[in-house]
Amino acid sequence: MRSQKRTFRMLAMVLSLAGIFMLLNIGSGFAQEKSAARKSSPTSDLYLAEPTPLTPVQCGQCHSSLYNDLKKDGGRHQFECQKCHKNFHAYSPVKNNWDQLMPKCRDCHLLPHGEKITECNACHNNPHAATKIPMSPKLVSSCAACHSGPFDQLQKFPSKHTKLTCDNCHKVHAFVPSCNACHKPHYEGQEFKGCASECHPVHQPLQIKFAKDANARTCNACHDKVYVKWSKSPSKHGKVNCVSCHTKHGYIPECSMCHVGPHSKQLHERFPKCLTCHQDPHDPPVKQK
């Protein structure tokens, strides 16, 4: 009887050990399956590689307006975003840390306009559009700090332009308007791109200076009778542009500037004034064939 009990005890012990061993194997297998499942998870592959810095185009996928500003008017600010922005997505309304996160102009620029102009954003209100500078009151009052030449011309040679502020013509910084924004052409079809270079320096418009190739049709606007006579003249003068003789507005040249002693000494002494014979410099008489 005792031997039978001992046998049952040993059998129970063996079965218990076998059960524990089986449970351990099952647990180990489940853990291995779970680990394998974790490794093969489709989301885990997204975080295997080390991240690389974003390109401006990638930044522009979210910050499209800033990207387009840089693309169109960025100027020398067209470089990697990380050169200015060191921390990303770190703004907290609770901390109110906007000023701490945003880069400062002084990080790269010292005082490019001197000690008198130190508030960068008073003129450059959009650092992503560095070349597009609106004519703010601060900028208008500071034009002479950089553009002293035009300012001095306006003061030295008063005209109607002197009474205007810079932003009347220059709507944004560096914008050069066409003269026809305010002025009518001297003749139909006149291209205003040449008005400043041909005759009127814009900051001293009454100091008329002719270019060598100034169009004679411009003179016709005021000197119409002379222009008609000159343009129909069969003489050699009819082939000479107005500014070849009238190098300055209102200037009447001497004939001797071009014609040096064309006749004998005796004839010049008898008729010292050329127009005694040649009558009209714009239509001098010529020999009839």
C-alpha atoms as a PDB file:
ATOM      1  CA  MET A   1       0.000   0.000   0.000  1.00  0.00           C
ATOM      2  CA  ARG A   2       2.796   2.331   0.928  1.00  0.00           C
ATOM      3  CA  SER A   3       4.613   1.535  -2.290  1.00  0.00           C
ATOM      4  CA  GLN A   4       1.549   2.429  -4.292  1.00  0.00           C
ATOM      5  CA  LYS A   5       1.294   5.824  -2.564  1.00  0.00           C
ATOM      6  CA  ARG A   6       4.960   6.500  -3.200  1.00  0.00           C
ATOM      7  CA  THR A   7       4.462   5.646  -6.870  1.00  0.00           C
ATOM      8  CA  PHE A   8       1.499   8.018  -7.145  1.00  0.00           C
ATOM      9  CA  ARG A   9       3.480  10.828  -5.504  1.00  0.00           C
ATOM     10  CA  MET A  10       6.371  10.372  -7.913  1.00  0.00           C
ATOM     11  CA  LEU A  11       3.984  10.267 -10.843  1.00  0.00           C
ATOM     12  CA  ALA A  12       2.277  13.469  -9.692  1.00  0.00           C
ATOM     13  CA  MET A  13       5.634  15.157  -9.264  1.00  0.00           C
ATOM     14  CA  VAL A  14       6.695  14.145 -12.752  1.00  0.00           C
ATOM     15  CA  LEU A  15       3.422  15.374 -14.245  1.00  0.00           C
ATOM     16  CA  SER A  16       3.751  18.689 -12.385  1.00  0.00           C
ATOM     17  CA  LEU A  17       7.287  19.216 -13.644  1.00  0.00           C
ATOM     18  CA  ALA A  18       6.150  18.317 -17.152  1.00  0.00           C
ATOM     19  CA  GLY A  19       3.314  20.848 -16.904  1.00  0.00           C
ATOM     20  CA  ILE A  20       5.632  23.591 -15.657  1.00  0.00           C
ATOM     21  CA  PHE A  21       8.078  22.821 -18.460  1.00  0.00           C
ATOM     22  CA  MET A  22       5.287  23.001 -21.047  1.00  0.00           C
ATOM     23  CA  LEU A  23       4.049  26.331 -19.648  1.00  0.00           C
ATOM     24  CA  LEU A  24       7.553  27.764 -19.837  1.00  0.00           C
ATOM     25  CA  ASN A  25       7.880  26.669 -23.462  1.00  0.00           C
ATOM     26  CA  ILE A  26       4.500  28.135 -24.341  1.00  0.00           C
ATOM     27  CA  GLY A  27       5.392  31.456 -22.649  1.00  0.00           C
ATOM     28  CA  SER A  28       8.742  31.617 -24.390  1.00  0.00           C
ATOM     29  CA  GLY A  29       7.145  30.900 -27.744  1.00  0.00           C
ATOM     30  CA  PHE A  30       4.529  33.607 -27.199  1.00  0.00           C
ATOM     31  CA  ALA A  31       7.225  36.114 -26.293  1.00  0.00           C
ATOM     32  CA  GLN A  32       9.185  35.216 -29.398  1.00  0.00           C
ATOM     33  CA  GLU A  33       6.082  35.565 -31.555  1.00  0.00           C
ATOM     34  CA  LYS A  34       5.315  38.968 -29.947  1.00  0.00           C
ATOM     35  CA  SER A  35       8.875  40.133 -30.509  1.00  0.00           C
ATOM     36  CA  ALA A  36       8.767  38.983 -34.136  1.00  0.00           C
ATOM     37  CA  ALA A  37       5.451  40.717 -34.592  1.00  0.00           C
ATOM     38  CA  ARG A  38       6.911  43.909 -33.147  1.00  0.00           C
ATOM     39  CA  LYS A  39       9.909  43.763 -35.505  1.00  0.00           C
ATOM     40  CA  SER A  40       7.715  43.210 -38.526  1.00  0.00           C
ATOM     41  CA  SER A  41       5.296  46.044 -37.602  1.00  0.00           C
ATOM     42  CA  PRO A  42       4.842  48.388 -40.595  1.00  0.00           C
ATOM     43  CA  THR A  43       5.132  51.527 -38.387  1.00  0.00           C
ATOM     44  CA  SER A  44       8.453  50.550 -36.836  1.00  0.00           C
ATOM     45  CA  ASP A  45      10.262  50.934 -40.177  1.00  0.00           C
ATOM     46  CA  LEU A  46       9.504  54.666 -40.183  1.00  0.00           C
ATOM     47  CA  TYR A  47      11.990  55.234 -37.382  1.00  0.00           C
ATOM     48  CA  LEU A  48      14.924  53.096 -38.468  1.00  0.00           C
ATOM     49  CA  ALA A  49      16.911  55.803 -40.311  1.00  0.00           C
ATOM     50  CA  GLU A  50      18.526  58.889 -38.794  1.00  0.00           C
ATOM     51  CA  PRO A  51      16.710  62.081 -39.847  1.00  0.00           C
ATOM     52  CA  THR A  52      18.404  64.499 -42.276  1.00  0.00           C
ATOM     53  CA  PRO A  53      17.853  68.294 -42.215  1.00  0.00           C
ATOM     54  CA  LEU A  54      14.814  69.433 -44.140  1.00  0.00           C
ATOM     55  CA  THR A  55      15.309  71.229 -47.430  1.00  0.00           C
ATOM     56  CA  PRO A  56      13.626  74.617 -48.074  1.00  0.00           C
ATOM     57  CA  VAL A  57      11.153  72.850 -50.369  1.00  0.00           C
ATOM     58  CA  GLN A  58      10.195  70.455 -47.578  1.00  0.00           C
ATOM     59  CA  CYS A  59       9.756  73.352 -45.136  1.00  0.00           C
ATOM     60  CA  GLY A  60       7.609  75.014 -47.770  1.00  0.00           C
ATOM     61  CA  GLN A  61       5.155  72.134 -47.762  1.00  0.00           C
ATOM     62  CA  CYS A  62       3.749  73.549 -44.533  1.00  0.00           C
ATOM     63  CA  HIS A  63       5.070  77.126 -44.620  1.00  0.00           C
ATOM     64  CA  SER A  64       4.017  77.794 -48.202  1.00  0.00           C
ATOM     65  CA  SER A  65       3.533  81.575 -47.898  1.00  0.00           C
ATOM     66  CA  LEU A  66       6.998  82.077 -46.421  1.00  0.00           C
ATOM     67  CA  TYR A  67       8.530  79.796 -49.050  1.00  0.00           C
ATOM     68  CA  ASN A  68       6.873  81.777 -51.842  1.00  0.00           C
ATOM     69  CA  ASP A  69       8.073  85.056 -50.321  1.00  0.00           C
ATOM     70  CA  LEU A  70      11.633  83.764 -50.317  1.00  0.00           C
ATOM     71  CA  LYS A  71      11.279  82.373 -53.826  1.00  0.00           C
ATOM     72  CA  LYS A  72      10.022  85.681 -55.232  1.00  0.00           C
ATOM     73  CA  ASP A  73      11.681  88.386 -53.127  1.00  0.00           C
ATOM     74  CA  GLY A  74      14.144  86.585 -50.856  1.00  0.00           C
ATOM     75  CA  GLY A  75      17.268  88.104 -52.351  1.00  0.00           C
ATOM     76  CA  ARG A  76      20.342  87.118 -50.349  1.00  0.00           C
ATOM     77  CA  HIS A  77      18.119  85.369 -47.807  1.00  0.00           C
ATOM     78  CA  GLN A  78      17.607  82.472 -50.211  1.00  0.00           C
ATOM     79  CA  PHE A  79      19.550  79.856 -48.239  1.00  0.00           C
ATOM     80  CA  GLU A  80      18.796  76.923 -45.908  1.00  0.00           C
ATOM     81  CA  CYS A  81      16.151  77.694 -43.281  1.00  0.00           C
ATOM     82  CA  GLN A  82      18.347  76.223 -40.525  1.00  0.00           C
ATOM     83  CA  LYS A  83      20.906  79.017 -40.897  1.00  0.00           C
ATOM     84  CA  CYS A  84      18.425  81.315 -39.138  1.00  0.00           C
ATOM     85  CA  HIS A  85      15.982  78.961 -37.423  1.00  0.00           C
ATOM     86  CA  LYS A  86      17.690  76.728 -34.849  1.00  0.00           C
ATOM     87  CA  ASN A  87      14.646  75.419 -32.940  1.00  0.00           C
ATOM     88  CA  PHE A  88      11.551  74.035 -34.627  1.00  0.00           C
ATOM     89  CA  HIS A  89       8.012  73.540 -33.309  1.00  0.00           C
ATOM     90  CA  ALA A  90       9.087  74.714 -29.865  1.00  0.00           C
ATOM     91  CA  TYR A  91       6.679  77.621 -29.449  1.00  0.00           C
ATOM     92  CA  SER A  92       4.424  77.407 -26.435  1.00  0.00           C
ATOM     93  CA  PRO A  93       1.549  79.836 -25.782  1.00  0.00           C
ATOM     94  CA  VAL A  94       1.984  79.098 -22.089  1.00  0.00           C
ATOM     95  CA  LYS A  95       5.651  80.072 -22.115  1.00  0.00           C
ATOM     96  CA  ASN A  96       5.045  82.888 -24.596  1.00  0.00           C
ATOM     97  CA  ASN A  97       8.537  82.220 -25.953  1.00  0.00           C
ATOM     98  CA  TRP A  98       8.132  83.590 -29.487  1.00  0.00           C
ATOM     99  CA  ASP A  99      10.810  86.285 -29.102  1.00  0.00           C
ATOM    100  CA  GLN A 100      13.274  83.783 -27.708  1.00  0.00           C
ATOM    101  CA  LEU A 101      12.789  81.406 -30.642  1.00  0.00           C
ATOM    102  CA  MET A 102      12.826  83.891 -33.512  1.00  0.00           C
ATOM    103  CA  PRO A 103      16.275  84.748 -34.940  1.00  0.00           C
ATOM    104  CA  LYS A 104      17.539  88.310 -34.564  1.00  0.00           C
ATOM    105  CA  CYS A 105      18.825  90.449 -37.440  1.00  0.00           C
ATOM    106  CA  ARG A 106      21.943  91.197 -35.391  1.00  0.00           C
ATOM    107  CA  ASP A 107      22.870  87.509 -35.532  1.00  0.00           C
ATOM    108  CA  CYS A 108      24.157  88.173 -39.068  1.00  0.00           C
ATOM    109  CA  HIS A 109      23.800  91.913 -39.729  1.00  0.00           C
ATOM    110  CA  LEU A 110      25.521  94.520 -37.595  1.00  0.00           C
ATOM    111  CA  LEU A 111      24.569  98.110 -38.515  1.00  0.00           C
ATOM    112  CA  PRO A 112      24.583  98.192 -42.327  1.00  0.00           C
ATOM    113  CA  HIS A 113      22.892 101.621 -42.382  1.00  0.00           C
ATOM    114  CA  GLY A 114      24.867 103.219 -39.565  1.00  0.00           C
ATOM    115  CA  GLU A 115      23.955 104.288 -36.051  1.00  0.00           C
ATOM    116  CA  LYS A 116      20.948 106.389 -37.125  1.00  0.00           C
ATOM    117  CA  ILE A 117      18.959 103.481 -38.591  1.00  0.00           C
ATOM    118  CA  THR A 118      18.914 100.572 -36.171  1.00  0.00           C
ATOM    119  CA  GLU A 119      15.298  99.312 -36.223  1.00  0.00           C
ATOM    120  CA  CYS A 120      15.502  96.749 -39.019  1.00  0.00           C
ATOM    121  CA  ASN A 121      11.843  95.739 -39.041  1.00  0.00           C
ATOM    122  CA  ALA A 122      10.713  99.365 -39.422  1.00  0.00           C
ATOM    123  CA  CYS A 123      11.704  99.005 -43.097  1.00  0.00           C
ATOM    124  CA  HIS A 124      12.314  95.269 -43.626  1.00  0.00           C
ATOM    125  CA  ASN A 125       8.978  94.129 -42.209  1.00  0.00           C
ATOM    126  CA  ASN A 126       9.220  90.678 -43.818  1.00  0.00           C
ATOM    127  CA  PRO A 127      12.621  88.961 -43.540  1.00  0.00           C
ATOM    128  CA  HIS A 128      11.446  86.297 -45.994  1.00  0.00           C
ATOM    129  CA  ALA A 129      10.921  88.999 -48.654  1.00  0.00           C
ATOM    130  CA  ALA A 130      14.099  90.960 -48.023  1.00  0.00           C
ATOM    131  CA  THR A 131      14.077  92.792 -51.348  1.00  0.00           C
ATOM    132  CA  LYS A 132      10.424  93.883 -51.106  1.00  0.00           C
ATOM    133  CA  ILE A 133      10.518  96.898 -48.831  1.00  0.00           C
ATOM    134  CA  PRO A 134       7.326  98.977 -48.476  1.00  0.00           C
ATOM    135  CA  MET A 135       7.698 102.735 -48.242  1.00  0.00           C
ATOM    136  CA  SER A 136       6.946 103.051 -44.558  1.00  0.00           C
ATOM    137  CA  PRO A 137       7.075 106.471 -42.827  1.00  0.00           C
ATOM    138  CA  LYS A 138      10.383 105.463 -41.249  1.00  0.00           C
ATOM    139  CA  LEU A 139      11.876 104.566 -44.615  1.00  0.00           C
ATOM    140  CA  VAL A 140      10.611 107.742 -46.334  1.00  0.00           C
ATOM    141  CA  SER A 141      12.126 109.914 -43.625  1.00  0.00           C
ATOM    142  CA  SER A 142      15.452 108.088 -43.964  1.00  0.00           C
ATOM    143  CA  CYS A 143      15.946 108.085 -47.763  1.00  0.00           C
ATOM    144  CA  ALA A 144      18.636 110.780 -47.642  1.00  0.00           C
ATOM    145  CA  ALA A 145      20.750 108.673 -45.277  1.00  0.00           C
ATOM    146  CA  CYS A 146      21.628 106.372 -48.191  1.00  0.00           C
ATOM    147  CA  HIS A 147      20.530 108.343 -51.254  1.00  0.00           C
ATOM    148  CA  SER A 148      22.155 111.690 -50.495  1.00  0.00           C
ATOM    149  CA  GLY A 149      22.828 112.469 -54.184  1.00  0.00           C
ATOM    150  CA  PRO A 150      19.182 112.625 -55.326  1.00  0.00           C
ATOM    151  CA  PHE A 151      18.197 114.467 -52.143  1.00  0.00           C
ATOM    152  CA  ASP A 152      20.874 117.131 -52.715  1.00  0.00           C
ATOM    153  CA  GLN A 153      19.804 117.564 -56.358  1.00  0.00           C
ATOM    154  CA  LEU A 154      16.189 118.117 -55.359  1.00  0.00           C
ATOM    155  CA  GLN A 155      17.221 120.812 -52.876  1.00  0.00           C
ATOM    156  CA  LYS A 156      19.826 122.507 -55.068  1.00  0.00           C
ATOM    157  CA  PHE A 157      17.636 122.629 -58.197  1.00  0.00           C
ATOM    158  CA  PRO A 158      14.057 123.307 -57.026  1.00  0.00           C
ATOM    159  CA  SER A 159      11.211 122.049 -59.191  1.00  0.00           C
ATOM    160  CA  LYS A 160       7.775 120.550 -58.709  1.00  0.00           C
ATOM    161  CA  HIS A 161       9.560 117.302 -57.904  1.00  0.00           C
ATOM    162  CA  THR A 162      11.135 118.973 -54.870  1.00  0.00           C
ATOM    163  CA  LYS A 163       7.703 119.393 -53.287  1.00  0.00           C
ATOM    164  CA  LEU A 164       6.981 115.664 -53.456  1.00  0.00           C
ATOM    165  CA  THR A 165       7.936 112.996 -50.962  1.00  0.00           C
ATOM    166  CA  CYS A 166       9.890 110.035 -52.266  1.00  0.00           C
ATOM    167  CA  ASP A 167       6.973 107.623 -51.983  1.00  0.00           C
ATOM    168  CA  ASN A 168       4.944 109.672 -54.480  1.00  0.00           C
ATOM    169  CA  CYS A 169       7.031 108.046 -57.221  1.00  0.00           C
ATOM    170  CA  HIS A 170       8.838 105.159 -55.505  1.00  0.00           C
ATOM    171  CA  LYS A 171       5.932 103.045 -54.246  1.00  0.00           C
ATOM    172  CA  VAL A 172       8.292 100.402 -52.877  1.00  0.00           C
ATOM    173  CA  HIS A 173      12.009 100.527 -52.250  1.00  0.00           C
ATOM    174  CA  ALA A 174      14.147 100.341 -55.420  1.00  0.00           C
ATOM    175  CA  PHE A 175      11.104 100.760 -57.674  1.00  0.00           C
ATOM    176  CA  VAL A 176      11.819 103.143 -60.573  1.00  0.00           C
ATOM    177  CA  PRO A 177       8.551 104.370 -62.115  1.00  0.00           C
ATOM    178  CA  SER A 178       7.919 105.338 -65.707  1.00  0.00           C
ATOM    179  CA  CYS A 179       7.632 109.065 -66.316  1.00  0.00           C
ATOM    180  CA  ASN A 180       4.230 108.549 -67.942  1.00  0.00           C
ATOM    181  CA  ALA A 181       2.786 107.703 -64.530  1.00  0.00           C
ATOM    182  CA  CYS A 182       2.431 111.490 -64.152  1.00  0.00           C
ATOM    183  CA  HIS A 183       3.555 113.090 -67.415  1.00  0.00           C
ATOM    184  CA  LYS A 184       2.111 112.999 -70.901  1.00  0.00           C
ATOM    185  CA  PRO A 185       4.485 112.176 -73.774  1.00  0.00           C
ATOM    186  CA  HIS A 186       5.960 114.918 -75.966  1.00  0.00           C
ATOM    187  CA  TYR A 187       4.697 113.052 -79.017  1.00  0.00           C
ATOM    188  CA  GLU A 188       2.464 110.070 -79.648  1.00  0.00           C
ATOM    189  CA  GLY A 189       4.310 106.808 -79.245  1.00  0.00           C
ATOM    190  CA  GLN A 190       7.200 108.266 -77.243  1.00  0.00           C
ATOM    191  CA  GLU A 191       8.825 105.701 -75.000  1.00  0.00           C
ATOM    192  CA  PHE A 192       9.153 107.119 -71.523  1.00  0.00           C
ATOM    193  CA  LYS A 193      12.024 104.866 -70.617  1.00  0.00           C
ATOM    194  CA  GLY A 194      14.259 107.390 -72.333  1.00  0.00           C
ATOM    195  CA  CYS A 195      12.899 110.638 -70.878  1.00  0.00           C
ATOM    196  CA  ALA A 196      15.334 110.688 -67.976  1.00  0.00           C
ATOM    197  CA  SER A 197      18.342 109.531 -69.971  1.00  0.00           C
ATOM    198  CA  GLU A 198      17.640 111.756 -73.005  1.00  0.00           C
ATOM    199  CA  CYS A 199      16.661 115.085 -71.460  1.00  0.00           C
ATOM    200  CA  HIS A 200      15.319 115.388 -67.921  1.00  0.00           C
ATOM    201  CA  PRO A 201      17.351 114.149 -64.920  1.00  0.00           C
ATOM    202  CA  VAL A 202      14.474 113.130 -62.668  1.00  0.00           C
ATOM    203  CA  HIS A 203      15.738 114.743 -59.464  1.00  0.00           C
ATOM    204  CA  GLN A 204      16.621 118.000 -61.251  1.00  0.00           C
ATOM    205  CA  PRO A 205      14.210 117.969 -64.213  1.00  0.00           C
ATOM    206  CA  LEU A 206      14.656 121.645 -65.145  1.00  0.00           C
ATOM    207  CA  GLN A 207      18.383 121.106 -65.689  1.00  0.00           C
ATOM    208  CA  ILE A 208      17.823 119.681 -69.147  1.00  0.00           C
ATOM    209  CA  LYS A 209      20.722 117.702 -70.505  1.00  0.00           C
ATOM    210  CA  PHE A 210      20.554 116.204 -73.960  1.00  0.00           C
ATOM    211  CA  ALA A 211      21.946 112.824 -74.788  1.00  0.00           C
ATOM    212  CA  LYS A 212      23.773 112.563 -78.115  1.00  0.00           C
ATOM    213  CA  ASP A 213      21.028 110.329 -79.493  1.00  0.00           C
ATOM    214  CA  ALA A 214      18.061 112.332 -78.109  1.00  0.00           C
ATOM    215  CA  ASN A 215      15.125 112.034 -80.506  1.00  0.00           C
ATOM    216  CA  ALA A 216      14.515 115.299 -82.401  1.00  0.00           C
ATOM    217  CA  ARG A 217      10.765 114.630 -82.288  1.00  0.00           C
ATOM    218  CA  THR A 218      10.902 115.556 -78.616  1.00  0.00           C
ATOM    219  CA  CYS A 219      11.954 119.096 -79.582  1.00  0.00           C
ATOM    220  CA  ASN A 220       8.914 119.301 -81.847  1.00  0.00           C
ATOM    221  CA  ALA A 221       6.614 119.391 -78.820  1.00  0.00           C
ATOM    222  CA  CYS A 222       7.553 123.037 -78.202  1.00  0.00           C
ATOM    223  CA  HIS A 223       9.521 124.073 -81.283  1.00  0.00           C
ATOM    224  CA  ASP A 224       7.029 122.787 -83.834  1.00  0.00           C
ATOM    225  CA  LYS A 225       7.505 125.492 -86.488  1.00  0.00           C
ATOM    226  CA  VAL A 226      11.265 125.144 -86.446  1.00  0.00           C
ATOM    227  CA  TYR A 227      10.996 121.349 -86.465  1.00  0.00           C
ATOM    228  CA  VAL A 228       8.753 121.326 -89.552  1.00  0.00           C
ATOM    229  CA  LYS A 229      11.089 123.688 -91.399  1.00  0.00           C
ATOM    230  CA  TRP A 230      14.194 121.714 -90.402  1.00  0.00           C
ATOM    231  CA  SER A 231      12.701 118.291 -91.226  1.00  0.00           C
ATOM    232  CA  LYS A 232      11.790 119.452 -94.763  1.00  0.00           C
ATOM    233  CA  SER A 233      15.061 121.230 -95.477  1.00  0.00           C
ATOM    234  CA  PRO A 234      17.042 119.864 -98.465  1.00  0.00           C
ATOM    235  CA  SER A 235      20.252 121.235 -96.940  1.00  0.00           C
ATOM    236  CA  LYS A 236      22.855 119.251 -95.044  1.00  0.00           C
ATOM    237  CA  HIS A 237      21.515 120.795 -91.847  1.00  0.00           C
ATOM    238  CA  GLY A 238      18.319 118.813 -92.378  1.00  0.00           C
ATOM    239  CA  LYS A 239      20.300 115.635 -91.740  1.00  0.00           C
ATOM    240  CA  VAL A 240      21.884 116.866 -88.484  1.00  0.00           C
ATOM    241  CA  ASN A 241      20.114 116.074 -85.208  1.00  0.00           C
ATOM    242  CA  CYS A 242      19.082 119.032 -83.048  1.00  0.00           C
ATOM    243  CA  VAL A 243      21.362 118.124 -80.143  1.00  0.00           C
ATOM    244  CA  SER A 244      24.409 118.127 -82.420  1.00  0.00           C
ATOM    245  CA  CYS A 245      24.228 121.948 -82.397  1.00  0.00           C
ATOM    246  CA  HIS A 246      22.066 122.672 -79.349  1.00  0.00           C
ATOM    247  CA  THR A 247      24.064 120.753 -76.766  1.00  0.00           C
ATOM    248  CA  LYS A 248      22.144 122.461 -73.947  1.00  0.00           C
ATOM    249  CA  HIS A 249      18.533 123.535 -73.766  1.00  0.00           C
ATOM    250  CA  GLY A 250      18.209 127.143 -74.945  1.00  0.00           C
ATOM    251  CA  TYR A 251      21.792 127.269 -76.177  1.00  0.00           C
ATOM    252  CA  ILE A 252      22.355 128.903 -79.600  1.00  0.00           C
ATOM    253  CA  PRO A 253      25.738 127.962 -81.035  1.00  0.00           C
ATOM    254  CA  GLU A 254      28.043 129.999 -83.231  1.00  0.00           C
ATOM    255  CA  CYS A 255      28.354 128.809 -86.840  1.00  0.00           C
ATOM    256  CA  SER A 256      32.126 128.756 -86.417  1.00  0.00           C
ATOM    257  CA  MET A 257      31.804 125.787 -84.048  1.00  0.00           C
ATOM    258  CA  CYS A 258      31.379 123.599 -87.123  1.00  0.00           C
ATOM    259  CA  HIS A 259      32.235 125.876 -90.035  1.00  0.00           C
ATOM    260  CA  VAL A 260      35.726 127.288 -89.601  1.00  0.00           C
ATOM    261  CA  GLY A 261      36.602 129.774 -92.356  1.00  0.00           C
ATOM    262  CA  PRO A 262      34.585 128.259 -95.209  1.00  0.00           C
ATOM    263  CA  HIS A 263      35.103 131.367 -97.351  1.00  0.00           C
ATOM    264  CA  SER A 264      37.972 133.740 -98.126  1.00  0.00           C
ATOM    265  CA  LYS A 265      39.267 136.151 -95.517  1.00  0.00           C
ATOM    266  CA  GLN A 266      38.028 139.138 -97.481  1.00  0.00           C
ATOM    267  CA  LEU A 267      34.486 137.725 -97.689  1.00  0.00           C
ATOM    268  CA  HIS A 268      34.340 137.027 -93.956  1.00  0.00           C
ATOM    269  CA  GLU A 269      35.541 140.540 -93.232  1.00  0.00           C
ATOM    270  CA  ARG A 270      32.856 141.993 -95.459  1.00  0.00           C
ATOM    271  CA  PHE A 271      30.093 139.743 -94.101  1.00  0.00           C
ATOM    272  CA  PRO A 272      31.037 138.815 -90.504  1.00  0.00           C
ATOM    273  CA  LYS A 273      27.568 137.429 -89.756  1.00  0.00           C
ATOM    274  CA  CYS A 274      26.908 134.149 -91.540  1.00  0.00           C
ATOM    275  CA  LEU A 275      23.120 134.584 -91.538  1.00  0.00           C
ATOM    276  CA  THR A 276      23.421 137.692 -93.692  1.00  0.00           C
ATOM    277  CA  CYS A 277      23.668 135.270 -96.575  1.00  0.00           C
ATOM    278  CA  HIS A 278      22.610 131.925 -95.171  1.00  0.00           C
ATOM    279  CA  GLN A 279      19.486 133.464 -93.626  1.00  0.00           C
ATOM    280  CA  ASP A 280      18.094 130.518 -91.616  1.00  0.00           C
ATOM    281  CA  PRO A 281      20.301 127.916 -89.932  1.00  0.00           C
ATOM    282  CA  HIS A 282      17.411 125.414 -89.897  1.00  0.00           C
ATOM    283  CA  ASP A 283      16.852 125.775 -93.649  1.00  0.00           C
ATOM    284  CA  PRO A 284      19.806 127.501 -95.289  1.00  0.00           C
ATOM    285  CA  PRO A 285      19.633 128.112 -99.051  1.00  0.00           C
ATOM    286  CA  VAL A 286      21.280 125.519-101.221  1.00  0.00           C
ATOM    287  CA  LYS A 287      22.420 125.510-104.818  1.00  0.00           C
ATOM    288  CA  GLN A 288      19.701 124.516-107.193  1.00  0.00           C
ATOM    289  CA  LYS A 289      20.624 121.757-109.608  1.00  0.00           C
END
